[in-house]
């Protein structure tokens, strides 16, 4: 086994094209209760963009390896790590701001956070589902307590978390309303949304109210969503937001509908991955991978997620995955 590994290291905060550099670092060693994973695929999330820009500079000391999604193969185990053996195919969400990240050939993690990769997913697909899937599950199930027969409004249904949330909500038996541009309506209804509202063509609130309002709002887009949610909520409705909102918003109207607000910074866990894996096995959840790039093209991946990189280029639907090794070297290719 090699004693070093290739990583893409964040060396300065700022623009994607100057922020990262390829480095060779010592391969980590698993400690008690930990596993060493050969990372086959990871992905890019909005959290990574914020970190790269310097939004969390107080929690990230440069140089740093960032990233949080992993799908790969166990390469070694530490003392007491008996849940896995070398060769096991696994996936997980790495702890956020709690050690080296996943833009690397190897990663060490506590075995309690790791799950066996669903057989129906390729490593690229699993890496694209980990953070967004866990976020959607925690938001809708653990925080909002979404139940069958309720109606939920998912803002941004064509995005990474949004596309996972639409599927999770539909699998739970909820009626799903989502905001998306008109060009994405067929896409989001194909994921399980019963109603799609074009937020770019006018105010979404009257259209949602015409449906009878919603029991739950999942905010993945920010803006004035928190202040306007009471306009679409039924009595005792719930709002879950995953977006940092630096500008204060007036939530006085929330008292009128006895609304409950949850602000979510996702936490990893094997039980959430197991629940998502069950939905995958049942054919009720599939990752949406909008693009796959090699790890060395990390700057391009960040630029794509930001919606740039060329005339006519727009942000891909779903997730941008990173193949840490060439796709033809990954077990199962891209469609396992």
C-alpha atoms as a PDB file:
ATOM      1  CA  UNK A   1       0.000   0.000   0.000  1.00  0.00           C
ATOM      2  CA  UNK A   2       1.401   3.450  -0.842  1.00  0.00           C
ATOM      3  CA  UNK A   3       2.669   5.671   1.956  1.00  0.00           C
ATOM      4  CA  UNK A   4       1.566   8.887   0.252  1.00  0.00           C
ATOM      5  CA  UNK A   5      -1.580  10.069  -1.508  1.00  0.00           C
ATOM      6  CA  UNK A   6      -2.580  12.693  -4.017  1.00  0.00           C
ATOM      7  CA  UNK A   7      -4.925  15.430  -2.827  1.00  0.00           C
ATOM      8  CA  UNK A   8      -6.377  18.668  -4.117  1.00  0.00           C
ATOM      9  CA  UNK A   9      -5.553  21.162  -1.417  1.00  0.00           C
ATOM     10  CA  UNK A  10      -7.228  24.494  -0.739  1.00  0.00           C
ATOM     11  CA  UNK A  11      -4.244  26.835  -0.572  1.00  0.00           C
ATOM     12  CA  UNK A  12      -5.999  30.199  -0.641  1.00  0.00           C
ATOM     13  CA  UNK A  13      -9.523  31.557  -0.310  1.00  0.00           C
ATOM     14  CA  UNK A  14     -11.075  33.090  -3.407  1.00  0.00           C
ATOM     15  CA  UNK A  15     -11.681  32.247  -7.039  1.00  0.00           C
ATOM     16  CA  UNK A  16     -11.803  28.580  -8.032  1.00  0.00           C
ATOM     17  CA  UNK A  17      -9.041  28.814 -10.630  1.00  0.00           C
ATOM     18  CA  UNK A  18      -6.440  29.949  -8.071  1.00  0.00           C
ATOM     19  CA  UNK A  19      -7.707  28.320  -4.864  1.00  0.00           C
ATOM     20  CA  UNK A  20      -6.565  24.696  -5.306  1.00  0.00           C
ATOM     21  CA  UNK A  21      -3.273  22.930  -5.889  1.00  0.00           C
ATOM     22  CA  UNK A  22      -2.392  19.261  -6.366  1.00  0.00           C
ATOM     23  CA  UNK A  23      -0.221  17.928  -3.554  1.00  0.00           C
ATOM     24  CA  UNK A  24       1.303  14.686  -2.303  1.00  0.00           C
ATOM     25  CA  UNK A  25       0.633  14.136   1.410  1.00  0.00           C
ATOM     26  CA  UNK A  26       1.298  11.211   3.765  1.00  0.00           C
ATOM     27  CA  UNK A  27      -1.410   8.563   3.614  1.00  0.00           C
ATOM     28  CA  UNK A  28      -3.403   8.678   6.894  1.00  0.00           C
ATOM     29  CA  UNK A  29      -3.417   5.811   9.388  1.00  0.00           C
ATOM     30  CA  UNK A  30      -6.689   4.673  10.992  1.00  0.00           C
ATOM     31  CA  UNK A  31      -6.896   4.965  14.763  1.00  0.00           C
ATOM     32  CA  UNK A  32      -9.086   3.039  17.214  1.00  0.00           C
ATOM     33  CA  UNK A  33     -12.563   2.469  15.777  1.00  0.00           C
ATOM     34  CA  UNK A  34     -11.612   4.010  12.440  1.00  0.00           C
ATOM     35  CA  UNK A  35     -11.394   2.751   8.868  1.00  0.00           C
ATOM     36  CA  UNK A  36      -9.096   3.844   6.081  1.00  0.00           C
ATOM     37  CA  UNK A  37     -10.997   4.201   2.812  1.00  0.00           C
ATOM     38  CA  UNK A  38      -9.567   4.394  -0.679  1.00  0.00           C
ATOM     39  CA  UNK A  39     -11.713   7.173  -2.094  1.00  0.00           C
ATOM     40  CA  UNK A  40     -12.992   6.277  -5.550  1.00  0.00           C
ATOM     41  CA  UNK A  41     -15.426   9.147  -5.944  1.00  0.00           C
ATOM     42  CA  UNK A  42     -16.463  12.297  -4.135  1.00  0.00           C
ATOM     43  CA  UNK A  43     -18.533  15.325  -5.155  1.00  0.00           C
ATOM     44  CA  UNK A  44     -18.863  19.099  -4.964  1.00  0.00           C
ATOM     45  CA  UNK A  45     -21.488  20.801  -2.802  1.00  0.00           C
ATOM     46  CA  UNK A  46     -22.491  24.435  -2.208  1.00  0.00           C
ATOM     47  CA  UNK A  47     -20.838  24.097   1.211  1.00  0.00           C
ATOM     48  CA  UNK A  48     -17.541  23.572  -0.618  1.00  0.00           C
ATOM     49  CA  UNK A  49     -18.051  26.765  -2.601  1.00  0.00           C
ATOM     50  CA  UNK A  50     -18.687  28.706   0.595  1.00  0.00           C
ATOM     51  CA  UNK A  51     -15.623  27.194   2.226  1.00  0.00           C
ATOM     52  CA  UNK A  52     -13.441  27.985  -0.787  1.00  0.00           C
ATOM     53  CA  UNK A  53     -14.670  31.578  -0.859  1.00  0.00           C
ATOM     54  CA  UNK A  54     -13.727  32.022   2.798  1.00  0.00           C
ATOM     55  CA  UNK A  55     -17.183  32.105   4.385  1.00  0.00           C
ATOM     56  CA  UNK A  56     -15.947  29.681   7.060  1.00  0.00           C
ATOM     57  CA  UNK A  57     -12.362  30.847   7.310  1.00  0.00           C
ATOM     58  CA  UNK A  58     -12.551  30.805  11.114  1.00  0.00           C
ATOM     59  CA  UNK A  59     -13.100  27.030  10.975  1.00  0.00           C
ATOM     60  CA  UNK A  60     -10.710  26.147   8.148  1.00  0.00           C
ATOM     61  CA  UNK A  61      -6.969  26.640   8.571  1.00  0.00           C
ATOM     62  CA  UNK A  62      -5.075  26.785   5.278  1.00  0.00           C
ATOM     63  CA  UNK A  63      -3.762  24.780   3.596  1.00  0.00           C
ATOM     64  CA  UNK A  64      -6.659  22.340   3.924  1.00  0.00           C
ATOM     65  CA  UNK A  65      -8.257  19.414   2.140  1.00  0.00           C
ATOM     66  CA  UNK A  66     -12.017  19.994   2.013  1.00  0.00           C
ATOM     67  CA  UNK A  67     -14.975  17.941   0.725  1.00  0.00           C
ATOM     68  CA  UNK A  68     -17.428  15.653   2.523  1.00  0.00           C
ATOM     69  CA  UNK A  69     -18.804  12.926   0.233  1.00  0.00           C
ATOM     70  CA  UNK A  70     -17.113   9.529  -0.103  1.00  0.00           C
ATOM     71  CA  UNK A  71     -17.725   6.332  -1.957  1.00  0.00           C
ATOM     72  CA  UNK A  72     -14.866   3.876  -1.979  1.00  0.00           C
ATOM     73  CA  UNK A  73     -13.299   0.690  -0.721  1.00  0.00           C
ATOM     74  CA  UNK A  74     -12.021  -0.071   2.776  1.00  0.00           C
ATOM     75  CA  UNK A  75      -8.227  -0.262   2.602  1.00  0.00           C
ATOM     76  CA  UNK A  76      -7.487  -0.845   6.296  1.00  0.00           C
ATOM     77  CA  UNK A  77      -8.950  -0.785   9.794  1.00  0.00           C
ATOM     78  CA  UNK A  78      -7.783   0.486  13.154  1.00  0.00           C
ATOM     79  CA  UNK A  79      -7.969  -1.314  16.511  1.00  0.00           C
ATOM     80  CA  UNK A  80     -11.541  -2.250  17.411  1.00  0.00           C
ATOM     81  CA  UNK A  81     -12.940  -1.380  13.976  1.00  0.00           C
ATOM     82  CA  UNK A  82     -14.636  -4.721  13.408  1.00  0.00           C
ATOM     83  CA  UNK A  83     -17.664  -3.679  11.330  1.00  0.00           C
ATOM     84  CA  UNK A  84     -15.753  -3.705   8.047  1.00  0.00           C
ATOM     85  CA  UNK A  85     -12.975  -5.573   6.311  1.00  0.00           C
ATOM     86  CA  UNK A  86     -10.554  -4.513   3.583  1.00  0.00           C
ATOM     87  CA  UNK A  87     -12.295  -4.706   0.233  1.00  0.00           C
ATOM     88  CA  UNK A  88     -15.757  -3.725   1.517  1.00  0.00           C
ATOM     89  CA  UNK A  89     -17.434  -1.113  -0.696  1.00  0.00           C
ATOM     90  CA  UNK A  90     -18.702   1.737   1.464  1.00  0.00           C
ATOM     91  CA  UNK A  91     -20.128   5.238   1.344  1.00  0.00           C
ATOM     92  CA  UNK A  92     -20.518   8.008   3.893  1.00  0.00           C
ATOM     93  CA  UNK A  93     -20.773  11.682   4.701  1.00  0.00           C
ATOM     94  CA  UNK A  94     -17.592  12.849   6.423  1.00  0.00           C
ATOM     95  CA  UNK A  95     -17.874  15.109   9.490  1.00  0.00           C
ATOM     96  CA  UNK A  96     -17.973  18.757   8.481  1.00  0.00           C
ATOM     97  CA  UNK A  97     -15.118  20.990   9.685  1.00  0.00           C
ATOM     98  CA  UNK A  98     -13.760  18.129  11.798  1.00  0.00           C
ATOM     99  CA  UNK A  99     -10.571  17.012  10.099  1.00  0.00           C
ATOM    100  CA  UNK A 100      -9.225  16.491   6.581  1.00  0.00           C
ATOM    101  CA  UNK A 101     -11.817  16.312   3.816  1.00  0.00           C
ATOM    102  CA  UNK A 102     -12.433  14.031   0.887  1.00  0.00           C
ATOM    103  CA  UNK A 103     -10.713  15.641  -2.114  1.00  0.00           C
ATOM    104  CA  UNK A 104      -8.069  12.955  -1.672  1.00  0.00           C
ATOM    105  CA  UNK A 105      -7.144   9.402  -2.632  1.00  0.00           C
ATOM    106  CA  UNK A 106      -7.542   8.151   0.955  1.00  0.00           C
ATOM    107  CA  UNK A 107      -9.646   9.231   3.922  1.00  0.00           C
ATOM    108  CA  UNK A 108      -9.929   8.096   7.550  1.00  0.00           C
ATOM    109  CA  UNK A 109     -13.288   8.110   9.346  1.00  0.00           C
ATOM    110  CA  UNK A 110     -14.978   6.606  12.410  1.00  0.00           C
ATOM    111  CA  UNK A 111     -16.630   3.355  11.384  1.00  0.00           C
ATOM    112  CA  UNK A 112     -19.887   4.420  13.079  1.00  0.00           C
ATOM    113  CA  UNK A 113     -20.434   6.934  10.252  1.00  0.00           C
ATOM    114  CA  UNK A 114     -19.885   4.426   7.442  1.00  0.00           C
ATOM    115  CA  UNK A 115     -22.412   2.219   5.629  1.00  0.00           C
ATOM    116  CA  UNK A 116     -22.097  -0.411   2.946  1.00  0.00           C
ATOM    117  CA  UNK A 117     -22.697   1.042  -0.484  1.00  0.00           C
ATOM    118  CA  UNK A 118     -26.047   0.101  -2.045  1.00  0.00           C
ATOM    119  CA  UNK A 119     -25.353  -2.460  -4.753  1.00  0.00           C
ATOM    120  CA  UNK A 120     -27.592  -0.602  -7.217  1.00  0.00           C
ATOM    121  CA  UNK A 121     -25.360   2.488  -7.100  1.00  0.00           C
ATOM    122  CA  UNK A 122     -22.038   3.076  -8.787  1.00  0.00           C
ATOM    123  CA  UNK A 123     -19.372   4.779  -6.709  1.00  0.00           C
ATOM    124  CA  UNK A 124     -19.966   7.997  -8.624  1.00  0.00           C
ATOM    125  CA  UNK A 125     -23.695   7.830  -7.859  1.00  0.00           C
ATOM    126  CA  UNK A 126     -23.161   7.020  -4.185  1.00  0.00           C
ATOM    127  CA  UNK A 127     -20.725   9.901  -3.773  1.00  0.00           C
ATOM    128  CA  UNK A 128     -23.288  12.211  -5.365  1.00  0.00           C
ATOM    129  CA  UNK A 129     -26.024  11.140  -2.963  1.00  0.00           C
ATOM    130  CA  UNK A 130     -24.339  11.100   0.448  1.00  0.00           C
ATOM    131  CA  UNK A 131     -24.515  14.716   1.649  1.00  0.00           C
ATOM    132  CA  UNK A 132     -27.648  15.741  -0.251  1.00  0.00           C
ATOM    133  CA  UNK A 133     -29.492  12.544   0.654  1.00  0.00           C
ATOM    134  CA  UNK A 134     -28.629  12.758   4.339  1.00  0.00           C
ATOM    135  CA  UNK A 135     -29.613  16.442   4.328  1.00  0.00           C
ATOM    136  CA  UNK A 136     -32.986  15.710   2.717  1.00  0.00           C
ATOM    137  CA  UNK A 137     -33.686  12.843   5.120  1.00  0.00           C
ATOM    138  CA  UNK A 138     -32.750  14.810   8.222  1.00  0.00           C
ATOM    139  CA  UNK A 139     -34.739  17.851   7.074  1.00  0.00           C
ATOM    140  CA  UNK A 140     -37.941  16.061   6.102  1.00  0.00           C
ATOM    141  CA  UNK A 141     -38.022  13.100   8.487  1.00  0.00           C
ATOM    142  CA  UNK A 142     -36.069  14.034  11.604  1.00  0.00           C
ATOM    143  CA  UNK A 143     -36.831  17.750  11.734  1.00  0.00           C
ATOM    144  CA  UNK A 144     -40.140  18.328   9.926  1.00  0.00           C
ATOM    145  CA  UNK A 145     -41.662  14.941  10.755  1.00  0.00           C
ATOM    146  CA  UNK A 146     -43.247  14.789   7.298  1.00  0.00           C
ATOM    147  CA  UNK A 147     -46.060  12.231   7.143  1.00  0.00           C
ATOM    148  CA  UNK A 148     -47.931  10.428   4.390  1.00  0.00           C
ATOM    149  CA  UNK A 149     -50.810  12.503   3.070  1.00  0.00           C
ATOM    150  CA  UNK A 150     -49.224  15.848   3.963  1.00  0.00           C
ATOM    151  CA  UNK A 151     -48.222  18.428   1.372  1.00  0.00           C
ATOM    152  CA  UNK A 152     -44.651  19.751   1.210  1.00  0.00           C
ATOM    153  CA  UNK A 153     -43.130  22.629  -0.717  1.00  0.00           C
ATOM    154  CA  UNK A 154     -39.534  21.932  -1.757  1.00  0.00           C
ATOM    155  CA  UNK A 155     -37.785  25.067  -2.974  1.00  0.00           C
ATOM    156  CA  UNK A 156     -35.272  24.355  -5.727  1.00  0.00           C
ATOM    157  CA  UNK A 157     -36.366  20.876  -6.751  1.00  0.00           C
ATOM    158  CA  UNK A 158     -33.870  20.638  -9.627  1.00  0.00           C
ATOM    159  CA  UNK A 159     -30.846  21.187  -7.399  1.00  0.00           C
ATOM    160  CA  UNK A 160     -28.758  18.709  -5.426  1.00  0.00           C
ATOM    161  CA  UNK A 161     -30.632  18.647  -2.118  1.00  0.00           C
ATOM    162  CA  UNK A 162     -33.897  19.563  -3.827  1.00  0.00           C
ATOM    163  CA  UNK A 163     -33.849  16.632  -6.241  1.00  0.00           C
ATOM    164  CA  UNK A 164     -33.154  14.228  -3.370  1.00  0.00           C
ATOM    165  CA  UNK A 165     -35.838  15.844  -1.194  1.00  0.00           C
ATOM    166  CA  UNK A 166     -38.527  15.562  -3.881  1.00  0.00           C
ATOM    167  CA  UNK A 167     -37.864  11.826  -4.112  1.00  0.00           C
ATOM    168  CA  UNK A 168     -37.694  11.249  -0.357  1.00  0.00           C
ATOM    169  CA  UNK A 169     -40.931  13.172   0.218  1.00  0.00           C
ATOM    170  CA  UNK A 170     -42.718  11.241  -2.522  1.00  0.00           C
ATOM    171  CA  UNK A 171     -41.447   7.945  -1.087  1.00  0.00           C
ATOM    172  CA  UNK A 172     -42.902   8.949   2.288  1.00  0.00           C
ATOM    173  CA  UNK A 173     -46.326   9.348   0.673  1.00  0.00           C
ATOM    174  CA  UNK A 174     -46.421  13.140   0.743  1.00  0.00           C
ATOM    175  CA  UNK A 175     -47.825  15.353  -1.998  1.00  0.00           C
ATOM    176  CA  UNK A 176     -44.854  17.289  -3.375  1.00  0.00           C
ATOM    177  CA  UNK A 177     -44.908  20.852  -4.685  1.00  0.00           C
ATOM    178  CA  UNK A 178     -41.617  22.270  -5.894  1.00  0.00           C
ATOM    179  CA  UNK A 179     -40.282  25.477  -7.368  1.00  0.00           C
ATOM    180  CA  UNK A 180     -38.236  25.129 -10.546  1.00  0.00           C
ATOM    181  CA  UNK A 181     -37.754  26.917 -13.825  1.00  0.00           C
ATOM    182  CA  UNK A 182     -40.154  25.905 -16.589  1.00  0.00           C
ATOM    183  CA  UNK A 183     -37.392  24.041 -18.426  1.00  0.00           C
ATOM    184  CA  UNK A 184     -37.031  21.763 -15.392  1.00  0.00           C
ATOM    185  CA  UNK A 185     -40.711  20.975 -14.804  1.00  0.00           C
ATOM    186  CA  UNK A 186     -40.681  17.675 -16.663  1.00  0.00           C
ATOM    187  CA  UNK A 187     -37.541  16.704 -14.770  1.00  0.00           C
ATOM    188  CA  UNK A 188     -38.919  17.402 -11.273  1.00  0.00           C
ATOM    189  CA  UNK A 189     -42.292  15.782 -11.979  1.00  0.00           C
ATOM    190  CA  UNK A 190     -40.356  12.745 -13.141  1.00  0.00           C
ATOM    191  CA  UNK A 191     -38.746  12.646  -9.700  1.00  0.00           C
ATOM    192  CA  UNK A 192     -42.146  12.544  -8.004  1.00  0.00           C
ATOM    193  CA  UNK A 193     -43.336  16.149  -7.721  1.00  0.00           C
ATOM    194  CA  UNK A 194     -47.074  16.480  -8.224  1.00  0.00           C
ATOM    195  CA  UNK A 195     -46.910  20.213  -8.889  1.00  0.00           C
ATOM    196  CA  UNK A 196     -44.110  22.393 -10.290  1.00  0.00           C
ATOM    197  CA  UNK A 197     -44.158  26.185  -9.948  1.00  0.00           C
ATOM    198  CA  UNK A 198     -41.977  28.419 -12.147  1.00  0.00           C
ATOM    199  CA  UNK A 199     -40.490  30.830  -9.618  1.00  0.00           C
ATOM    200  CA  UNK A 200     -38.893  32.889 -12.418  1.00  0.00           C
ATOM    201  CA  UNK A 201     -42.230  33.668 -14.070  1.00  0.00           C
ATOM    202  CA  UNK A 202     -43.935  35.338 -11.113  1.00  0.00           C
ATOM    203  CA  UNK A 203     -44.772  35.062  -7.449  1.00  0.00           C
ATOM    204  CA  UNK A 204     -44.930  31.430  -6.328  1.00  0.00           C
ATOM    205  CA  UNK A 205     -47.079  32.170  -3.272  1.00  0.00           C
ATOM    206  CA  UNK A 206     -50.505  32.543  -4.990  1.00  0.00           C
ATOM    207  CA  UNK A 207     -49.934  29.328  -6.946  1.00  0.00           C
ATOM    208  CA  UNK A 208     -49.111  27.360  -3.797  1.00  0.00           C
ATOM    209  CA  UNK A 209     -51.986  28.902  -1.870  1.00  0.00           C
ATOM    210  CA  UNK A 210     -54.343  27.887  -4.682  1.00  0.00           C
ATOM    211  CA  UNK A 211     -53.441  24.268  -3.935  1.00  0.00           C
ATOM    212  CA  UNK A 212     -54.587  24.729  -0.344  1.00  0.00           C
ATOM    213  CA  UNK A 213     -51.267  25.557   1.259  1.00  0.00           C
ATOM    214  CA  UNK A 214     -48.632  23.178   2.569  1.00  0.00           C
ATOM    215  CA  UNK A 215     -47.768  21.456   5.839  1.00  0.00           C
ATOM    216  CA  UNK A 216     -43.992  21.697   5.375  1.00  0.00           C
ATOM    217  CA  UNK A 217     -41.615  24.037   3.569  1.00  0.00           C
ATOM    218  CA  UNK A 218     -38.041  22.973   2.790  1.00  0.00           C
ATOM    219  CA  UNK A 219     -35.882  25.980   1.958  1.00  0.00           C
ATOM    220  CA  UNK A 220     -32.820  25.162  -0.155  1.00  0.00           C
ATOM    221  CA  UNK A 221     -32.565  28.551  -1.897  1.00  0.00           C
ATOM    222  CA  UNK A 222     -32.514  31.320   0.708  1.00  0.00           C
ATOM    223  CA  UNK A 223     -33.673  34.825  -0.152  1.00  0.00           C
ATOM    224  CA  UNK A 224     -36.928  35.835   1.539  1.00  0.00           C
ATOM    225  CA  UNK A 225     -38.182  32.250   1.882  1.00  0.00           C
ATOM    226  CA  UNK A 226     -38.247  32.318   5.682  1.00  0.00           C
ATOM    227  CA  UNK A 227     -40.374  35.462   5.841  1.00  0.00           C
ATOM    228  CA  UNK A 228     -42.778  34.334   3.119  1.00  0.00           C
ATOM    229  CA  UNK A 229     -43.280  30.741   4.290  1.00  0.00           C
ATOM    230  CA  UNK A 230     -46.204  31.671   6.607  1.00  0.00           C
ATOM    231  CA  UNK A 231     -48.079  32.843   3.499  1.00  0.00           C
ATOM    232  CA  UNK A 232     -48.215  29.243   2.193  1.00  0.00           C
ATOM    233  CA  UNK A 233     -48.269  27.265   5.451  1.00  0.00           C
ATOM    234  CA  UNK A 234     -51.290  25.623   6.955  1.00  0.00           C
ATOM    235  CA  UNK A 235     -51.814  25.942  10.692  1.00  0.00           C
ATOM    236  CA  UNK A 236     -48.995  24.412  12.750  1.00  0.00           C
ATOM    237  CA  UNK A 237     -46.868  24.080   9.626  1.00  0.00           C
ATOM    238  CA  UNK A 238     -43.126  23.468   9.735  1.00  0.00           C
ATOM    239  CA  UNK A 239     -40.250  25.177   7.943  1.00  0.00           C
ATOM    240  CA  UNK A 240     -36.777  23.677   7.562  1.00  0.00           C
ATOM    241  CA  UNK A 241     -33.979  25.815   6.117  1.00  0.00           C
ATOM    242  CA  UNK A 242     -30.533  24.593   5.110  1.00  0.00           C
ATOM    243  CA  UNK A 243     -29.369  28.027   3.899  1.00  0.00           C
ATOM    244  CA  UNK A 244     -27.241  30.525   5.801  1.00  0.00           C
ATOM    245  CA  UNK A 245     -29.279  33.742   5.895  1.00  0.00           C
ATOM    246  CA  UNK A 246     -27.084  36.689   6.932  1.00  0.00           C
ATOM    247  CA  UNK A 247     -29.819  39.301   6.461  1.00  0.00           C
ATOM    248  CA  UNK A 248     -32.510  39.424   9.190  1.00  0.00           C
ATOM    249  CA  UNK A 249     -36.066  38.542   8.147  1.00  0.00           C
ATOM    250  CA  UNK A 250     -39.325  39.439   9.837  1.00  0.00           C
ATOM    251  CA  UNK A 251     -40.953  36.215  11.040  1.00  0.00           C
ATOM    252  CA  UNK A 252     -43.867  37.870  12.851  1.00  0.00           C
ATOM    253  CA  UNK A 253     -46.387  36.279  10.459  1.00  0.00           C
ATOM    254  CA  UNK A 254     -45.228  32.847  11.645  1.00  0.00           C
ATOM    255  CA  UNK A 255     -47.091  33.386  14.920  1.00  0.00           C
ATOM    256  CA  UNK A 256     -50.356  33.671  12.991  1.00  0.00           C
ATOM    257  CA  UNK A 257     -50.102  30.062  11.793  1.00  0.00           C
ATOM    258  CA  UNK A 258     -48.258  28.647  14.819  1.00  0.00           C
ATOM    259  CA  UNK A 259     -45.329  27.775  12.564  1.00  0.00           C
ATOM    260  CA  UNK A 260     -42.263  25.896  13.728  1.00  0.00           C
ATOM    261  CA  UNK A 261     -38.871  26.762  12.195  1.00  0.00           C
ATOM    262  CA  UNK A 262     -35.865  24.449  12.045  1.00  0.00           C
ATOM    263  CA  UNK A 263     -32.399  25.555  10.949  1.00  0.00           C
ATOM    264  CA  UNK A 264     -30.352  22.613   9.780  1.00  0.00           C
ATOM    265  CA  UNK A 265     -26.609  22.082   9.591  1.00  0.00           C
ATOM    266  CA  UNK A 266     -26.498  18.438   8.616  1.00  0.00           C
ATOM    267  CA  UNK A 267     -24.796  15.784  10.724  1.00  0.00           C
ATOM    268  CA  UNK A 268     -23.491  12.439   9.383  1.00  0.00           C
ATOM    269  CA  UNK A 269     -24.693   9.035  10.553  1.00  0.00           C
ATOM    270  CA  UNK A 270     -24.965   5.415   9.450  1.00  0.00           C
ATOM    271  CA  UNK A 271     -28.683   5.135  10.244  1.00  0.00           C
ATOM    272  CA  UNK A 272     -29.529   7.896   7.753  1.00  0.00           C
ATOM    273  CA  UNK A 273     -27.448   6.226   5.069  1.00  0.00           C
ATOM    274  CA  UNK A 274     -29.197   2.930   5.790  1.00  0.00           C
ATOM    275  CA  UNK A 275     -32.604   4.584   5.368  1.00  0.00           C
ATOM    276  CA  UNK A 276     -31.519   6.123   2.069  1.00  0.00           C
ATOM    277  CA  UNK A 277     -30.074   2.803   0.944  1.00  0.00           C
ATOM    278  CA  UNK A 278     -33.431   1.151   1.584  1.00  0.00           C
ATOM    279  CA  UNK A 279     -35.143   3.695  -0.664  1.00  0.00           C
ATOM    280  CA  UNK A 280     -32.494   3.076  -3.323  1.00  0.00           C
ATOM    281  CA  UNK A 281     -33.048  -0.682  -3.093  1.00  0.00           C
ATOM    282  CA  UNK A 282     -36.817  -0.151  -3.457  1.00  0.00           C
ATOM    283  CA  UNK A 283     -36.319   1.955  -6.572  1.00  0.00           C
ATOM    284  CA  UNK A 284     -37.737   5.065  -4.884  1.00  0.00           C
ATOM    285  CA  UNK A 285     -34.549   7.139  -4.794  1.00  0.00           C
ATOM    286  CA  UNK A 286     -31.941   7.646  -7.476  1.00  0.00           C
ATOM    287  CA  UNK A 287     -29.028  10.064  -7.478  1.00  0.00           C
ATOM    288  CA  UNK A 288     -29.146  12.827 -10.052  1.00  0.00           C
ATOM    289  CA  UNK A 289     -25.641  13.295 -11.461  1.00  0.00           C
ATOM    290  CA  UNK A 290     -25.389  16.311 -13.730  1.00  0.00           C
ATOM    291  CA  UNK A 291     -21.679  16.014 -14.510  1.00  0.00           C
ATOM    292  CA  UNK A 292     -18.653  13.863 -13.673  1.00  0.00           C
ATOM    293  CA  UNK A 293     -15.154  15.337 -13.721  1.00  0.00           C
ATOM    294  CA  UNK A 294     -11.761  13.987 -12.656  1.00  0.00           C
ATOM    295  CA  UNK A 295     -10.452  15.222  -9.314  1.00  0.00           C
ATOM    296  CA  UNK A 296      -7.730  17.214 -11.068  1.00  0.00           C
ATOM    297  CA  UNK A 297     -10.486  19.313 -12.681  1.00  0.00           C
ATOM    298  CA  UNK A 298     -11.741  20.446  -9.284  1.00  0.00           C
ATOM    299  CA  UNK A 299     -11.601  24.138 -10.185  1.00  0.00           C
ATOM    300  CA  UNK A 300     -13.804  23.489 -13.226  1.00  0.00           C
ATOM    301  CA  UNK A 301     -16.252  21.544 -11.049  1.00  0.00           C
ATOM    302  CA  UNK A 302     -16.545  24.492  -8.658  1.00  0.00           C
ATOM    303  CA  UNK A 303     -17.067  26.873 -11.575  1.00  0.00           C
ATOM    304  CA  UNK A 304     -19.773  24.641 -13.041  1.00  0.00           C
ATOM    305  CA  UNK A 305     -21.612  24.515  -9.728  1.00  0.00           C
ATOM    306  CA  UNK A 306     -21.505  28.296  -9.595  1.00  0.00           C
ATOM    307  CA  UNK A 307     -23.146  28.378 -13.037  1.00  0.00           C
ATOM    308  CA  UNK A 308     -20.262  29.762 -15.089  1.00  0.00           C
ATOM    309  CA  UNK A 309     -17.569  28.356 -17.346  1.00  0.00           C
ATOM    310  CA  UNK A 310     -18.513  29.480 -20.804  1.00  0.00           C
ATOM    311  CA  UNK A 311     -21.136  31.063 -23.004  1.00  0.00           C
ATOM    312  CA  UNK A 312     -24.510  29.397 -22.621  1.00  0.00           C
ATOM    313  CA  UNK A 313     -23.284  27.212 -19.749  1.00  0.00           C
ATOM    314  CA  UNK A 314     -25.633  26.804 -16.812  1.00  0.00           C
ATOM    315  CA  UNK A 315     -25.457  24.924 -13.556  1.00  0.00           C
ATOM    316  CA  UNK A 316     -26.151  21.206 -14.142  1.00  0.00           C
ATOM    317  CA  UNK A 317     -29.178  19.560 -12.601  1.00  0.00           C
ATOM    318  CA  UNK A 318     -28.431  17.557  -9.493  1.00  0.00           C
ATOM    319  CA  UNK A 319     -24.856  16.913  -8.411  1.00  0.00           C
ATOM    320  CA  UNK A 320     -21.378  17.340  -9.853  1.00  0.00           C
ATOM    321  CA  UNK A 321     -19.346  14.250  -8.984  1.00  0.00           C
ATOM    322  CA  UNK A 322     -15.569  13.864  -8.931  1.00  0.00           C
ATOM    323  CA  UNK A 323     -13.918  10.632 -10.041  1.00  0.00           C
ATOM    324  CA  UNK A 324     -10.778  10.307  -7.924  1.00  0.00           C
ATOM    325  CA  UNK A 325      -9.605   7.538 -10.272  1.00  0.00           C
ATOM    326  CA  UNK A 326     -10.432   7.145 -13.987  1.00  0.00           C
ATOM    327  CA  UNK A 327     -13.980   5.918 -14.506  1.00  0.00           C
ATOM    328  CA  UNK A 328     -12.835   2.736 -16.215  1.00  0.00           C
ATOM    329  CA  UNK A 329     -10.947   1.852 -13.029  1.00  0.00           C
ATOM    330  CA  UNK A 330     -13.973   2.221 -10.744  1.00  0.00           C
ATOM    331  CA  UNK A 331     -15.749  -1.013  -9.783  1.00  0.00           C
ATOM    332  CA  UNK A 332     -19.023  -1.097 -11.653  1.00  0.00           C
ATOM    333  CA  UNK A 333     -18.133   1.862 -13.855  1.00  0.00           C
ATOM    334  CA  UNK A 334     -20.835   4.521 -13.619  1.00  0.00           C
ATOM    335  CA  UNK A 335     -23.994   2.445 -13.523  1.00  0.00           C
ATOM    336  CA  UNK A 336     -23.374  -0.388 -11.127  1.00  0.00           C
END
